[in-house]
Amino acid sequence: MTDLTPNLPEVVAEISALFEEYEQALIDKNVAVLDRTFWNSPHTIRYAFSEHGYGFDEIHAHRVARPPGPGSKEKRIRLEILTLGRDFATVNLEFKLRGRDAIGRQSQTWVRFPDCGWKVVSAHVSTLEPRG
């Protein structure tokens, strides 16, 4: 039976470090790190504010076209990391959008592959507009 113990400290630390590296790579437009973060597969999906990436190649094309810089994130509100066992994790971030009265949400599903380590297999970024 597979061990699905939640939030083993050393696994949470691994995912935390990888997530922070990814966030910094977004700011720096470090495409090598951004690409290394995602599973190089046609099955990988990334939904974002203005683009949808179905498969690694589409995701990479958006990375190359995207301008560098802090993007839409102004301030983190809440970061939740859940690991199950040693090979599966989710990361969920809620953040204030820069220059807008709206909240952003980001989620990532991570899997540790035997041949290539931790990779994001699915990601989603969206906004929650205030009700007025």
Protein backbone atom coordinates (compact mmCIF):
# COMPACT_ATOMS: atom_id res chain seq x y z
CA MET A 1 0.00 0.00 0.00
CA THR A 2 1.22 3.51 -0.84
CA ASP A 3 2.01 5.76 2.10
CA LEU A 4 -0.05 8.95 1.86
CA THR A 5 1.03 10.51 5.14
CA PRO A 6 0.18 14.24 4.93
CA ASN A 7 2.81 16.95 5.19
CA LEU A 8 6.01 15.09 5.97
CA PRO A 9 8.25 18.02 6.97
CA GLU A 10 11.09 17.19 4.57
CA VAL A 11 8.69 16.84 1.62
CA VAL A 12 6.95 20.12 2.47
CA ALA A 13 10.40 21.76 2.58
CA GLU A 14 11.26 20.39 -0.88
CA ILE A 15 8.01 21.65 -2.42
CA SER A 16 8.30 25.02 -0.65
CA ALA A 17 11.77 25.55 -2.09
CA LEU A 18 10.69 24.52 -5.59
CA PHE A 19 7.64 26.81 -5.44
CA GLU A 20 9.75 29.79 -4.33
CA GLU A 21 12.24 29.09 -7.11
CA TYR A 22 9.37 29.05 -9.61
CA GLU A 23 7.94 32.33 -8.27
CA GLN A 24 11.35 34.01 -8.57
CA ALA A 25 11.77 32.64 -12.10
CA LEU A 26 8.47 34.31 -13.07
CA ILE A 27 9.85 37.66 -11.90
CA ASP A 28 13.22 37.12 -13.61
CA LYS A 29 11.71 35.47 -16.73
CA ASN A 30 14.09 32.58 -16.24
CA VAL A 31 12.59 30.32 -18.88
CA ALA A 32 15.00 27.49 -18.09
CA VAL A 33 13.71 27.29 -14.50
CA LEU A 34 10.10 27.76 -15.60
CA ASP A 35 10.45 24.92 -18.10
CA ARG A 36 12.28 22.71 -15.60
CA THR A 37 9.36 23.15 -13.15
CA PHE A 38 6.73 21.69 -15.50
CA TRP A 39 6.47 18.09 -16.67
CA ASN A 40 7.63 17.88 -20.29
CA SER A 41 4.53 16.08 -21.54
CA PRO A 42 1.58 16.70 -23.85
CA HIS A 43 -0.59 15.88 -20.80
CA THR A 44 0.56 18.90 -18.78
CA ILE A 45 -1.99 21.74 -18.51
CA ARG A 46 -1.66 25.35 -17.37
CA TYR A 47 -4.61 27.75 -17.30
CA ALA A 48 -3.78 31.39 -16.66
CA PHE A 49 -5.31 34.85 -16.91
CA SER A 50 -4.84 35.34 -20.63
CA GLU A 51 -3.52 32.04 -21.92
CA HIS A 52 -4.18 28.34 -21.81
CA GLY A 53 -1.40 25.85 -22.25
CA TYR A 54 -2.33 22.35 -23.31
CA GLY A 55 0.92 20.40 -23.25
CA PHE A 56 4.45 21.41 -22.42
CA ASP A 57 5.15 22.97 -25.84
CA GLU A 58 2.25 25.45 -25.56
CA ILE A 59 3.21 26.31 -21.99
CA HIS A 60 6.81 26.93 -23.10
CA ALA A 61 5.64 29.18 -25.96
CA HIS A 62 3.73 31.36 -23.47
CA ARG A 63 6.78 31.51 -21.20
CA VAL A 64 8.95 32.80 -24.02
CA ALA A 65 6.36 35.43 -25.07
CA ARG A 66 5.63 36.63 -21.51
CA PRO A 67 7.34 39.84 -20.37
CA PRO A 68 9.61 39.66 -17.30
CA GLY A 69 8.68 41.32 -14.06
CA PRO A 70 6.48 40.87 -11.04
CA GLY A 71 3.37 40.29 -13.09
CA SER A 72 0.03 40.59 -11.40
CA LYS A 73 1.00 39.60 -7.85
CA GLU A 74 1.25 42.38 -5.31
CA LYS A 75 1.03 40.60 -1.96
CA ARG A 76 0.55 37.07 -0.73
CA ILE A 77 -2.55 36.52 1.36
CA ARG A 78 -2.34 32.80 2.03
CA LEU A 79 -0.10 29.95 0.88
CA GLU A 80 -1.19 26.35 1.50
CA ILE A 81 1.00 23.36 0.74
CA LEU A 82 -0.31 19.82 1.09
CA THR A 83 1.92 16.84 0.48
CA LEU A 84 0.65 13.26 0.52
CA GLY A 85 3.41 10.75 1.01
CA ARG A 86 6.68 11.49 -0.75
CA ASP A 87 5.53 11.84 -4.35
CA PHE A 88 2.41 14.04 -4.54
CA ALA A 89 1.72 17.65 -3.53
CA THR A 90 -0.56 20.59 -4.13
CA VAL A 91 0.29 24.25 -3.71
CA ASN A 92 -2.44 26.88 -3.45
CA LEU A 93 -1.72 30.58 -3.24
CA GLU A 94 -4.17 33.44 -2.70
CA PHE A 95 -2.77 36.88 -3.51
CA LYS A 96 -3.73 40.52 -4.00
CA LEU A 97 -3.62 41.60 -7.64
CA ARG A 98 -1.37 44.54 -8.40
CA GLY A 99 -3.31 47.74 -9.07
CA ARG A 100 -6.74 46.08 -8.80
CA ASP A 101 -9.29 45.48 -6.12
CA ALA A 102 -9.32 41.76 -6.84
CA ILE A 103 -7.89 38.56 -5.45
CA GLY A 104 -5.84 36.09 -7.47
CA ARG A 105 -5.70 32.37 -6.93
CA GLN A 106 -3.00 30.01 -8.09
CA SER A 107 -2.93 26.24 -7.77
CA GLN A 108 -0.34 23.68 -8.79
CA THR A 109 -0.35 19.89 -8.69
CA TRP A 110 3.13 18.40 -8.25
CA VAL A 111 4.22 14.80 -8.83
CA ARG A 112 7.66 13.31 -8.13
CA PHE A 113 8.65 11.19 -11.13
CA PRO A 114 11.32 8.50 -10.72
CA ASP A 115 13.28 9.71 -13.77
CA CYS A 116 13.03 13.51 -13.47
CA GLY A 117 12.01 14.48 -9.91
CA TRP A 118 9.29 16.93 -8.88
CA LYS A 119 7.24 18.43 -11.73
CA VAL A 120 4.04 20.44 -12.03
CA VAL A 121 1.51 18.43 -14.03
CA SER A 122 -1.38 20.89 -13.74
CA ALA A 123 -1.60 24.58 -12.84
CA HIS A 124 -4.29 27.24 -12.75
CA VAL A 125 -4.28 31.00 -12.11
CA SER A 126 -7.52 32.99 -11.90
CA THR A 127 -9.06 36.06 -10.30
CA LEU A 128 -11.94 36.63 -7.96
CA GLU A 129 -13.45 40.02 -8.69
CA PRO A 130 -15.12 41.86 -5.81
CA ARG A 131 -18.88 41.94 -5.83
CA GLY A 132 -20.23 45.39 -6.27
